[in-house]
């Protein structure tokens, strides 16, 4: 006898695609939470620099499976105060996360990401490395919050995109060579 999970497959999502209006509402809620994070009185160590949308939502699907969002964070402060704020936020890290040293170390960023996602399984949150992959794959992206990146951030992202494009080209060449060798 098979279980429901086995019939469904190990990685298939169990929900049906959402309505476009639901995705619009989720995006609006994320942008409201961005305003909370970026407020001058916010306790977070990081601010949201930009929010990018991509995937089926941006392609105009009437019933997207999820809302793909890439978020770029920036330090709230430029000095010793940033280090102090990060350490204060780490002190407030939940015990179940603080058990792993690396998770505790990255908690100030993770805390902002978790707040933005707000536990929604319909929001797929990505970082700027994922954004570089999406752009390198020639998928459309749209900036929905923030300004165009600063020159140093853009240079870093362009560098990541070039690396990703090279990796994609090498993978395709390898697949073509393997396909030609088996013929």
Foldseek 3Di string as FASTA:
>chain_A
DDDPCVVQDVPDDPDFFAFLVVLVVLVVLLVVLLCQCPDPPRLAQKHWAFKKWFDPSVVPDRGHRATEIETEIDGPDDDVVSVVSLVVQLVVDDPVQVVDPVSSNCVSVVVSVCSSCVPDPRYDYHYLLVVLLCVLVVTDMDIPDHDPDDPVVVVVSVVSNVVNNVVVVVVVVVVVVVVVVVD
